[in-house]
Amino acid sequence: AAAVEGRIVQIATQGGAVASADFSKMMAKRLTHTGSMLRPRSVEFKAAIAAALEAQVWPLLGTRKVAPVMDMIFPLKEAWRAHERMEDGDHIGKIVLDVG
């Protein structure tokens, strides 16, 4: 989900490098899609990203101006269901285990 003229930033993948997308929906919203991998980057580069996140993104999360997309929340005792959900690959957003 993205706003009109929004940006989708993809850092790595879990399901491999091949995916399908409906580009007509992306074009209709005039979206920008950018991808990257952090693994080959230097420790210094990763530290700079962490500092920028702390300064620019965490405050937005704290004020709820932006929020992560949650797919489903499972109680810890149902972790097996969370794993099944992830393995199915049909989720969009985070699969969360509630340990409370």
PDB file of N, CA and C in Angstrom:
ATOM      1  N   ALA A   1       0.849  -1.183   0.000  1.00  0.00           N
ATOM      2  CA  ALA A   1       0.000   0.000   0.000  1.00  0.00           C
ATOM      3  C   ALA A   1       0.883   1.230   0.000  1.00  0.00           C
ATOM      4  N   ALA A   2       0.600   2.133  -0.892  1.00  0.00           N
ATOM      5  CA  ALA A   2       1.363   3.377  -0.972  1.00  0.00           C
ATOM      6  C   ALA A   2       0.439   4.490  -1.440  1.00  0.00           C
ATOM      7  N   ALA A   3       0.755   5.696  -1.025  1.00  0.00           N
ATOM      8  CA  ALA A   3      -0.028   6.864  -1.421  1.00  0.00           C
ATOM      9  C   ALA A   3       0.278   7.225  -2.869  1.00  0.00           C
ATOM     10  N   VAL A   4      -0.599   8.000  -3.473  1.00  0.00           N
ATOM     11  CA  VAL A   4      -0.342   8.514  -4.818  1.00  0.00           C
ATOM     12  C   VAL A   4       0.973   9.289  -4.782  1.00  0.00           C
ATOM     13  N   GLU A   5       1.824   9.044  -5.769  1.00  0.00           N
ATOM     14  CA  GLU A   5       3.165   9.615  -5.879  1.00  0.00           C
ATOM     15  C   GLU A   5       4.054   9.217  -4.700  1.00  0.00           C
ATOM     16  N   GLY A   6       3.743   8.074  -4.087  1.00  0.00           N
ATOM     17  CA  GLY A   6       4.525   7.576  -2.961  1.00  0.00           C
ATOM     18  C   GLY A   6       5.761   6.823  -3.413  1.00  0.00           C
ATOM     19  N   ARG A   7       6.507   6.373  -2.438  1.00  0.00           N
ATOM     20  CA  ARG A   7       7.738   5.625  -2.692  1.00  0.00           C
ATOM     21  C   ARG A   7       7.670   4.286  -1.984  1.00  0.00           C
ATOM     22  N   ILE A   8       8.115   3.263  -2.666  1.00  0.00           N
ATOM     23  CA  ILE A   8       8.268   1.943  -2.068  1.00  0.00           C
ATOM     24  C   ILE A   8       9.761   1.659  -2.053  1.00  0.00           C
ATOM     25  N   VAL A   9      10.301   1.460  -0.870  1.00  0.00           N
ATOM     26  CA  VAL A   9      11.722   1.158  -0.722  1.00  0.00           C
ATOM     27  C   VAL A   9      11.827  -0.273  -0.235  1.00  0.00           C
ATOM     28  N   GLN A  10      12.486  -1.099  -1.008  1.00  0.00           N
ATOM     29  CA  GLN A  10      12.605  -2.518  -0.678  1.00  0.00           C
ATOM     30  C   GLN A  10      14.044  -2.820  -0.319  1.00  0.00           C
ATOM     31  N   ILE A  11      14.234  -3.270   0.925  1.00  0.00           N
ATOM     32  CA  ILE A  11      15.560  -3.654   1.393  1.00  0.00           C
ATOM     33  C   ILE A  11      15.564  -5.170   1.520  1.00  0.00           C
ATOM     34  N   ALA A  12      16.230  -5.834   0.603  1.00  0.00           N
ATOM     35  CA  ALA A  12      16.344  -7.298   0.578  1.00  0.00           C
ATOM     36  C   ALA A  12      14.989  -7.963   0.320  1.00  0.00           C
ATOM     37  N   THR A  13      14.987  -9.293   0.304  1.00  0.00           N
ATOM     38  CA  THR A  13      13.772 -10.082   0.098  1.00  0.00           C
ATOM     39  C   THR A  13      13.875 -11.353   0.922  1.00  0.00           C
ATOM     40  N   GLN A  14      12.740 -11.977   1.174  1.00  0.00           N
ATOM     41  CA  GLN A  14      12.754 -13.262   1.868  1.00  0.00           C
ATOM     42  C   GLN A  14      12.462 -14.405   0.918  1.00  0.00           C
ATOM     43  N   GLY A  15      11.757 -14.115  -0.162  1.00  0.00           N
ATOM     44  CA  GLY A  15      11.315 -15.176  -1.044  1.00  0.00           C
ATOM     45  C   GLY A  15      12.156 -15.343  -2.292  1.00  0.00           C
ATOM     46  N   GLY A  16      13.349 -14.770  -2.321  1.00  0.00           N
ATOM     47  CA  GLY A  16      14.180 -14.866  -3.505  1.00  0.00           C
ATOM     48  C   GLY A  16      14.093 -13.604  -4.347  1.00  0.00           C
ATOM     49  N   ALA A  17      14.815 -13.597  -5.446  1.00  0.00           N
ATOM     50  CA  ALA A  17      14.937 -12.391  -6.256  1.00  0.00           C
ATOM     51  C   ALA A  17      13.842 -12.240  -7.303  1.00  0.00           C
ATOM     52  N   VAL A  18      13.010 -13.243  -7.505  1.00  0.00           N
ATOM     53  CA  VAL A  18      11.988 -13.195  -8.549  1.00  0.00           C
ATOM     54  C   VAL A  18      10.629 -12.914  -7.920  1.00  0.00           C
ATOM     55  N   ALA A  19       9.914 -11.946  -8.491  1.00  0.00           N
ATOM     56  CA  ALA A  19       8.578 -11.600  -7.989  1.00  0.00           C
ATOM     57  C   ALA A  19       7.743 -11.099  -9.156  1.00  0.00           C
ATOM     58  N   SER A  20       6.430 -11.077  -8.969  1.00  0.00           N
ATOM     59  CA  SER A  20       5.562 -10.504  -9.992  1.00  0.00           C
ATOM     60  C   SER A  20       4.858  -9.297  -9.396  1.00  0.00           C
ATOM     61  N   ALA A  21       4.564  -8.327 -10.239  1.00  0.00           N
ATOM     62  CA  ALA A  21       3.898  -7.102  -9.778  1.00  0.00           C
ATOM     63  C   ALA A  21       2.960  -6.606 -10.860  1.00  0.00           C
ATOM     64  N   ASP A  22       1.862  -5.994 -10.435  1.00  0.00           N
ATOM     65  CA  ASP A  22       0.928  -5.369 -11.361  1.00  0.00           C
ATOM     66  C   ASP A  22       1.393  -3.931 -11.574  1.00  0.00           C
ATOM     67  N   PHE A  23       2.184  -3.709 -12.615  1.00  0.00           N
ATOM     68  CA  PHE A  23       2.760  -2.392 -12.852  1.00  0.00           C
ATOM     69  C   PHE A  23       1.718  -1.353 -13.236  1.00  0.00           C
ATOM     70  N   SER A  24       0.563  -1.774 -13.729  1.00  0.00           N
ATOM     71  CA  SER A  24      -0.466  -0.787 -14.073  1.00  0.00           C
ATOM     72  C   SER A  24      -0.934  -0.049 -12.821  1.00  0.00           C
ATOM     73  N   LYS A  25      -1.033  -0.748 -11.686  1.00  0.00           N
ATOM     74  CA  LYS A  25      -1.415  -0.090 -10.431  1.00  0.00           C
ATOM     75  C   LYS A  25      -0.316   0.857  -9.963  1.00  0.00           C
ATOM     76  N   MET A  26       0.930   0.439 -10.121  1.00  0.00           N
ATOM     77  CA  MET A  26       2.046   1.302  -9.733  1.00  0.00           C
ATOM     78  C   MET A  26       2.091   2.550 -10.605  1.00  0.00           C
ATOM     79  N   MET A  27       1.873   2.377 -11.895  1.00  0.00           N
ATOM     80  CA  MET A  27       1.905   3.522 -12.802  1.00  0.00           C
ATOM     81  C   MET A  27       0.727   4.454 -12.559  1.00  0.00           C
ATOM     82  N   ALA A  28      -0.450   3.891 -12.280  1.00  0.00           N
ATOM     83  CA  ALA A  28      -1.628   4.723 -12.029  1.00  0.00           C
ATOM     84  C   ALA A  28      -1.415   5.620 -10.812  1.00  0.00           C
ATOM     85  N   LYS A  29      -0.667   5.117  -9.829  1.00  0.00           N
ATOM     86  CA  LYS A  29      -0.386   5.916  -8.630  1.00  0.00           C
ATOM     87  C   LYS A  29       0.901   6.737  -8.769  1.00  0.00           C
ATOM     88  N   ARG A  30       1.591   6.583  -9.901  1.00  0.00           N
ATOM     89  CA  ARG A  30       2.849   7.283 -10.143  1.00  0.00           C
ATOM     90  C   ARG A  30       3.861   7.007  -9.018  1.00  0.00           C
ATOM     91  N   LEU A  31       4.038   5.724  -8.710  1.00  0.00           N
ATOM     92  CA  LEU A  31       4.919   5.321  -7.617  1.00  0.00           C
ATOM     93  C   LEU A  31       6.373   5.229  -8.062  1.00  0.00           C
ATOM     94  N   THR A  32       7.266   5.399  -7.106  1.00  0.00           N
ATOM     95  CA  THR A  32       8.688   5.158  -7.304  1.00  0.00           C
ATOM     96  C   THR A  32       9.070   3.940  -6.473  1.00  0.00           C
ATOM     97  N   HIS A  33       9.684   2.943  -7.111  1.00  0.00           N
ATOM     98  CA  HIS A  33      10.092   1.716  -6.421  1.00  0.00           C
ATOM     99  C   HIS A  33      11.607   1.616  -6.491  1.00  0.00           C
ATOM    100  N   THR A  34      12.241   1.555  -5.330  1.00  0.00           N
ATOM    101  CA  THR A  34      13.689   1.481  -5.238  1.00  0.00           C
ATOM    102  C   THR A  34      14.074   0.249  -4.436  1.00  0.00           C
ATOM    103  N   GLY A  35      15.115  -0.428  -4.855  1.00  0.00           N
ATOM    104  CA  GLY A  35      15.568  -1.603  -4.124  1.00  0.00           C
ATOM    105  C   GLY A  35      17.038  -1.514  -3.774  1.00  0.00           C
ATOM    106  N   SER A  36      17.423  -2.200  -2.708  1.00  0.00           N
ATOM    107  CA  SER A  36      18.812  -2.196  -2.276  1.00  0.00           C
ATOM    108  C   SER A  36      19.083  -3.415  -1.399  1.00  0.00           C
ATOM    109  N   MET A  37      20.347  -3.713  -1.225  1.00  0.00           N
ATOM    110  CA  MET A  37      20.783  -4.760  -0.297  1.00  0.00           C
ATOM    111  C   MET A  37      21.842  -4.144   0.609  1.00  0.00           C
ATOM    112  N   LEU A  38      21.740  -4.389   1.897  1.00  0.00           N
ATOM    113  CA  LEU A  38      22.711  -3.831   2.833  1.00  0.00           C
ATOM    114  C   LEU A  38      23.899  -4.757   3.086  1.00  0.00           C
ATOM    115  N   ARG A  39      23.738  -6.033   2.824  1.00  0.00           N
ATOM    116  CA  ARG A  39      24.787  -7.001   3.162  1.00  0.00           C
ATOM    117  C   ARG A  39      26.162  -6.609   2.603  1.00  0.00           C
ATOM    118  N   PRO A  40      26.296  -6.203   1.335  1.00  0.00           N
ATOM    119  CA  PRO A  40      27.637  -5.898   0.834  1.00  0.00           C
ATOM    120  C   PRO A  40      28.172  -4.526   1.259  1.00  0.00           C
ATOM    121  N   ARG A  41      27.369  -3.727   1.944  1.00  0.00           N
ATOM    122  CA  ARG A  41      27.788  -2.381   2.342  1.00  0.00           C
ATOM    123  C   ARG A  41      28.728  -2.427   3.545  1.00  0.00           C
ATOM    124  N   SER A  42      29.537  -1.374   3.683  1.00  0.00           N
ATOM    125  CA  SER A  42      30.503  -1.305   4.781  1.00  0.00           C
ATOM    126  C   SER A  42      29.798  -1.049   6.115  1.00  0.00           C
ATOM    127  N   VAL A  43      30.502  -1.352   7.194  1.00  0.00           N
ATOM    128  CA  VAL A  43      29.977  -1.096   8.535  1.00  0.00           C
ATOM    129  C   VAL A  43      29.723   0.405   8.706  1.00  0.00           C
ATOM    130  N   GLU A  44      30.599   1.236   8.156  1.00  0.00           N
ATOM    131  CA  GLU A  44      30.436   2.690   8.257  1.00  0.00           C
ATOM    132  C   GLU A  44      29.161   3.152   7.557  1.00  0.00           C
ATOM    133  N   PHE A  45      28.882   2.590   6.391  1.00  0.00           N
ATOM    134  CA  PHE A  45      27.663   2.945   5.652  1.00  0.00           C
ATOM    135  C   PHE A  45      26.428   2.547   6.454  1.00  0.00           C
ATOM    136  N   LYS A  46      26.451   1.336   7.018  1.00  0.00           N
ATOM    137  CA  LYS A  46      25.322   0.863   7.824  1.00  0.00           C
ATOM    138  C   LYS A  46      25.139   1.731   9.071  1.00  0.00           C
ATOM    139  N   ALA A  47      26.237   2.174   9.678  1.00  0.00           N
ATOM    140  CA  ALA A  47      26.153   3.052  10.853  1.00  0.00           C
ATOM    141  C   ALA A  47      25.528   4.391  10.480  1.00  0.00           C
ATOM    142  N   ALA A  48      25.861   4.913   9.302  1.00  0.00           N
ATOM    143  CA  ALA A  48      25.268   6.177   8.847  1.00  0.00           C
ATOM    144  C   ALA A  48      23.765   6.022   8.627  1.00  0.00           C
ATOM    145  N   ILE A  49      23.348   4.887   8.096  1.00  0.00           N
ATOM    146  CA  ILE A  49      21.914   4.627   7.913  1.00  0.00           C
ATOM    147  C   ILE A  49      21.224   4.552   9.275  1.00  0.00           C
ATOM    148  N   ALA A  50      21.843   3.863  10.221  1.00  0.00           N
ATOM    149  CA  ALA A  50      21.256   3.749  11.564  1.00  0.00           C
ATOM    150  C   ALA A  50      21.099   5.124  12.206  1.00  0.00           C
ATOM    151  N   ALA A  51      22.100   5.987  12.057  1.00  0.00           N
ATOM    152  CA  ALA A  51      22.026   7.339  12.629  1.00  0.00           C
ATOM    153  C   ALA A  51      20.920   8.154  11.962  1.00  0.00           C
ATOM    154  N   ALA A  52      20.791   8.030  10.647  1.00  0.00           N
ATOM    155  CA  ALA A  52      19.731   8.759   9.932  1.00  0.00           C
ATOM    156  C   ALA A  52      18.350   8.256  10.343  1.00  0.00           C
ATOM    157  N   LEU A  53      18.207   6.949  10.505  1.00  0.00           N
ATOM    158  CA  LEU A  53      16.931   6.395  10.979  1.00  0.00           C
ATOM    159  C   LEU A  53      16.574   6.951  12.351  1.00  0.00           C
ATOM    160  N   GLU A  54      17.560   6.968  13.242  1.00  0.00           N
ATOM    161  CA  GLU A  54      17.308   7.468  14.597  1.00  0.00           C
ATOM    162  C   GLU A  54      16.880   8.935  14.578  1.00  0.00           C
ATOM    163  N   ALA A  55      17.499   9.725  13.723  1.00  0.00           N
ATOM    164  CA  ALA A  55      17.206  11.160  13.682  1.00  0.00           C
ATOM    165  C   ALA A  55      15.935  11.492  12.905  1.00  0.00           C
ATOM    166  N   GLN A  56      15.650  10.740  11.834  1.00  0.00           N
ATOM    167  CA  GLN A  56      14.579  11.144  10.927  1.00  0.00           C
ATOM    168  C   GLN A  56      13.341  10.255  10.958  1.00  0.00           C
ATOM    169  N   VAL A  57      13.509   8.962  11.195  1.00  0.00           N
ATOM    170  CA  VAL A  57      12.373   8.041  11.101  1.00  0.00           C
ATOM    171  C   VAL A  57      11.761   7.742  12.463  1.00  0.00           C
ATOM    172  N   TRP A  58      12.595   7.452  13.463  1.00  0.00           N
ATOM    173  CA  TRP A  58      12.049   7.099  14.779  1.00  0.00           C
ATOM    174  C   TRP A  58      11.115   8.177  15.325  1.00  0.00           C
ATOM    175  N   PRO A  59      11.433   9.482  15.167  1.00  0.00           N
ATOM    176  CA  PRO A  59      10.476  10.494  15.641  1.00  0.00           C
ATOM    177  C   PRO A  59       9.114  10.396  14.937  1.00  0.00           C
ATOM    178  N   LEU A  60       9.092  10.058  13.671  1.00  0.00           N
ATOM    179  CA  LEU A  60       7.822   9.902  12.948  1.00  0.00           C
ATOM    180  C   LEU A  60       7.033   8.722  13.491  1.00  0.00           C
ATOM    181  N   LEU A  61       7.735   7.647  13.824  1.00  0.00           N
ATOM    182  CA  LEU A  61       7.068   6.492  14.427  1.00  0.00           C
ATOM    183  C   LEU A  61       6.533   6.850  15.812  1.00  0.00           C
ATOM    184  N   GLY A  62       7.322   7.612  16.570  1.00  0.00           N
ATOM    185  CA  GLY A  62       6.922   7.997  17.919  1.00  0.00           C
ATOM    186  C   GLY A  62       5.672   8.858  17.954  1.00  0.00           C
ATOM    187  N   THR A  63       5.495   9.697  16.931  1.00  0.00           N
ATOM    188  CA  THR A  63       4.306  10.563  16.867  1.00  0.00           C
ATOM    189  C   THR A  63       3.195   9.929  16.034  1.00  0.00           C
ATOM    190  N   ARG A  64       3.438   8.715  15.546  1.00  0.00           N
ATOM    191  CA  ARG A  64       2.476   7.967  14.731  1.00  0.00           C
ATOM    192  C   ARG A  64       2.121   8.665  13.407  1.00  0.00           C
ATOM    193  N   LYS A  65       3.044   9.500  12.904  1.00  0.00           N
ATOM    194  CA  LYS A  65       2.840  10.080  11.573  1.00  0.00           C
ATOM    195  C   LYS A  65       3.027   9.016  10.502  1.00  0.00           C
ATOM    196  N   VAL A  66       3.826   8.010  10.810  1.00  0.00           N
ATOM    197  CA  VAL A  66       3.957   6.823   9.961  1.00  0.00           C
ATOM    198  C   VAL A  66       3.865   5.604  10.870  1.00  0.00           C
ATOM    199  N   ALA A  67       3.449   4.493  10.313  1.00  0.00           N
ATOM    200  CA  ALA A  67       3.328   3.267  11.101  1.00  0.00           C
ATOM    201  C   ALA A  67       3.660   2.070  10.221  1.00  0.00           C
ATOM    202  N   PRO A  68       4.280   1.041  10.798  1.00  0.00           N
ATOM    203  CA  PRO A  68       4.556  -0.161  10.012  1.00  0.00           C
ATOM    204  C   PRO A  68       3.256  -0.876   9.652  1.00  0.00           C
ATOM    205  N   VAL A  69       3.289  -1.576   8.545  1.00  0.00           N
ATOM    206  CA  VAL A  69       2.129  -2.360   8.122  1.00  0.00           C
ATOM    207  C   VAL A  69       2.190  -3.707   8.832  1.00  0.00           C
ATOM    208  N   MET A  70       1.142  -4.012   9.567  1.00  0.00           N
ATOM    209  CA  MET A  70       1.059  -5.279  10.289  1.00  0.00           C
ATOM    210  C   MET A  70       0.101  -6.203   9.548  1.00  0.00           C
ATOM    211  N   ASP A  71       0.551  -7.403   9.260  1.00  0.00           N
ATOM    212  CA  ASP A  71      -0.313  -8.385   8.620  1.00  0.00           C
ATOM    213  C   ASP A  71      -1.187  -9.061   9.668  1.00  0.00           C
ATOM    214  N   MET A  72      -0.543  -9.736  10.612  1.00  0.00           N
ATOM    215  CA  MET A  72      -1.272 -10.433  11.680  1.00  0.00           C
ATOM    216  C   MET A  72      -0.422 -10.455  12.939  1.00  0.00           C
ATOM    217  N   ILE A  73      -1.106 -10.510  14.089  1.00  0.00           N
ATOM    218  CA  ILE A  73      -0.444 -10.647  15.380  1.00  0.00           C
ATOM    219  C   ILE A  73      -0.905 -11.963  16.000  1.00  0.00           C
ATOM    220  N   PHE A  74       0.077 -12.793  16.381  1.00  0.00           N
ATOM    221  CA  PHE A  74      -0.210 -14.098  16.972  1.00  0.00           C
ATOM    222  C   PHE A  74       0.295 -14.124  18.410  1.00  0.00           C
ATOM    223  N   PRO A  75      -0.436 -14.782  19.319  1.00  0.00           N
ATOM    224  CA  PRO A  75       0.130 -14.998  20.654  1.00  0.00           C
ATOM    225  C   PRO A  75       1.329 -15.937  20.542  1.00  0.00           C
ATOM    226  N   LEU A  76       2.280 -15.778  21.438  1.00  0.00           N
ATOM    227  CA  LEU A  76       3.510 -16.570  21.377  1.00  0.00           C
ATOM    228  C   LEU A  76       3.228 -18.067  21.323  1.00  0.00           C
ATOM    229  N   LYS A  77       2.201 -18.523  22.033  1.00  0.00           N
ATOM    230  CA  LYS A  77       1.901 -19.962  22.046  1.00  0.00           C
ATOM    231  C   LYS A  77       1.438 -20.465  20.679  1.00  0.00           C
ATOM    232  N   GLU A  78       1.119 -19.545  19.759  1.00  0.00           N
ATOM    233  CA  GLU A  78       0.723 -19.930  18.403  1.00  0.00           C
ATOM    234  C   GLU A  78       1.791 -19.551  17.377  1.00  0.00           C
ATOM    235  N   ALA A  79       3.047 -19.581  17.814  1.00  0.00           N
ATOM    236  CA  ALA A  79       4.152 -19.241  16.912  1.00  0.00           C
ATOM    237  C   ALA A  79       4.146 -20.125  15.669  1.00  0.00           C
ATOM    238  N   TRP A  80       3.715 -21.362  15.814  1.00  0.00           N
ATOM    239  CA  TRP A  80       3.655 -22.281  14.668  1.00  0.00           C
ATOM    240  C   TRP A  80       2.726 -21.729  13.583  1.00  0.00           C
ATOM    241  N   ARG A  81       1.621 -21.080  13.994  1.00  0.00           N
ATOM    242  CA  ARG A  81       0.704 -20.488  13.010  1.00  0.00           C
ATOM    243  C   ARG A  81       1.367 -19.309  12.300  1.00  0.00           C
ATOM    244  N   ALA A  82       2.147 -18.540  13.040  1.00  0.00           N
ATOM    245  CA  ALA A  82       2.867 -17.414  12.441  1.00  0.00           C
ATOM    246  C   ALA A  82       3.854 -17.920  11.392  1.00  0.00           C
ATOM    247  N   HIS A  83       4.550 -19.018  11.720  1.00  0.00           N
ATOM    248  CA  HIS A  83       5.489 -19.603  10.755  1.00  0.00           C
ATOM    249  C   HIS A  83       4.750 -20.092   9.511  1.00  0.00           C
ATOM    250  N   GLU A  84       3.617 -20.727   9.700  1.00  0.00           N
ATOM    251  CA  GLU A  84       2.831 -21.183   8.545  1.00  0.00           C
ATOM    252  C   GLU A  84       2.427 -19.997   7.675  1.00  0.00           C
ATOM    253  N   ARG A  85       1.994 -18.914   8.316  1.00  0.00           N
ATOM    254  CA  ARG A  85       1.580 -17.718   7.573  1.00  0.00           C
ATOM    255  C   ARG A  85       2.746 -17.181   6.754  1.00  0.00           C
ATOM    256  N   MET A  86       3.928 -17.126   7.347  1.00  0.00           N
ATOM    257  CA  MET A  86       5.096 -16.616   6.642  1.00  0.00           C
ATOM    258  C   MET A  86       5.483 -17.545   5.495  1.00  0.00           C
ATOM    259  N   GLU A  87       5.450 -18.850   5.738  1.00  0.00           N
ATOM    260  CA  GLU A  87       5.827 -19.812   4.706  1.00  0.00           C
ATOM    261  C   GLU A  87       4.861 -19.791   3.531  1.00  0.00           C
ATOM    262  N   ASP A  88       3.582 -19.493   3.789  1.00  0.00           N
ATOM    263  CA  ASP A  88       2.603 -19.392   2.701  1.00  0.00           C
ATOM    264  C   ASP A  88       2.948 -18.256   1.751  1.00  0.00           C
ATOM    265  N   GLY A  89       3.581 -17.203   2.262  1.00  0.00           N
ATOM    266  CA  GLY A  89       4.009 -16.091   1.424  1.00  0.00           C
ATOM    267  C   GLY A  89       2.896 -15.172   0.966  1.00  0.00           C
ATOM    268  N   ASP A  90       1.715 -15.285   1.542  1.00  0.00           N
ATOM    269  CA  ASP A  90       0.588 -14.453   1.117  1.00  0.00           C
ATOM    270  C   ASP A  90       0.437 -13.186   1.946  1.00  0.00           C
ATOM    271  N   HIS A  91       1.331 -12.968   2.905  1.00  0.00           N
ATOM    272  CA  HIS A  91       1.176 -11.814   3.790  1.00  0.00           C
ATOM    273  C   HIS A  91       1.747 -10.541   3.171  1.00  0.00           C
ATOM    274  N   ILE A  92       1.198  -9.427   3.605  1.00  0.00           N
ATOM    275  CA  ILE A  92       1.741  -8.109   3.270  1.00  0.00           C
ATOM    276  C   ILE A  92       1.946  -7.405   4.598  1.00  0.00           C
ATOM    277  N   GLY A  93       3.160  -7.090   4.927  1.00  0.00           N
ATOM    278  CA  GLY A  93       3.457  -6.463   6.203  1.00  0.00           C
ATOM    279  C   GLY A  93       4.074  -7.453   7.172  1.00  0.00           C
ATOM    280  N   LYS A  94       4.187  -7.013   8.398  1.00  0.00           N
ATOM    281  CA  LYS A  94       4.873  -7.782   9.430  1.00  0.00           C
ATOM    282  C   LYS A  94       3.960  -8.819  10.072  1.00  0.00           C
ATOM    283  N   ILE A  95       4.531  -9.965  10.355  1.00  0.00           N
ATOM    284  CA  ILE A  95       3.873 -10.994  11.154  1.00  0.00           C
ATOM    285  C   ILE A  95       4.500 -10.883  12.541  1.00  0.00           C
ATOM    286  N   VAL A  96       3.668 -10.651  13.541  1.00  0.00           N
ATOM    287  CA  VAL A  96       4.161 -10.306  14.875  1.00  0.00           C
ATOM    288  C   VAL A  96       3.779 -11.380  15.887  1.00  0.00           C
ATOM    289  N   LEU A  97       4.715 -11.696  16.783  1.00  0.00           N
ATOM    290  CA  LEU A  97       4.429 -12.566  17.926  1.00  0.00           C
ATOM    291  C   LEU A  97       4.254 -11.683  19.157  1.00  0.00           C
ATOM    292  N   ASP A  98       3.120 -11.829  19.835  1.00  0.00           N
ATOM    293  CA  ASP A  98       2.827 -11.075  21.054  1.00  0.00           C
ATOM    294  C   ASP A  98       3.299 -11.891  22.249  1.00  0.00           C
ATOM    295  N   VAL A  99       4.307 -11.394  22.952  1.00  0.00           N
ATOM    296  CA  VAL A  99       4.870 -12.120  24.085  1.00  0.00           C
ATOM    297  C   VAL A  99       4.271 -11.657  25.414  1.00  0.00           C
ATOM    298  N   GLY A 100       3.309 -10.734  25.365  1.00  0.00           N
ATOM    299  CA  GLY A 100       2.717 -10.162  26.586  1.00  0.00           C
ATOM    300  C   GLY A 100       1.699 -11.023  27.248  1.00  0.00           C
TER     301      GLY A 100
END
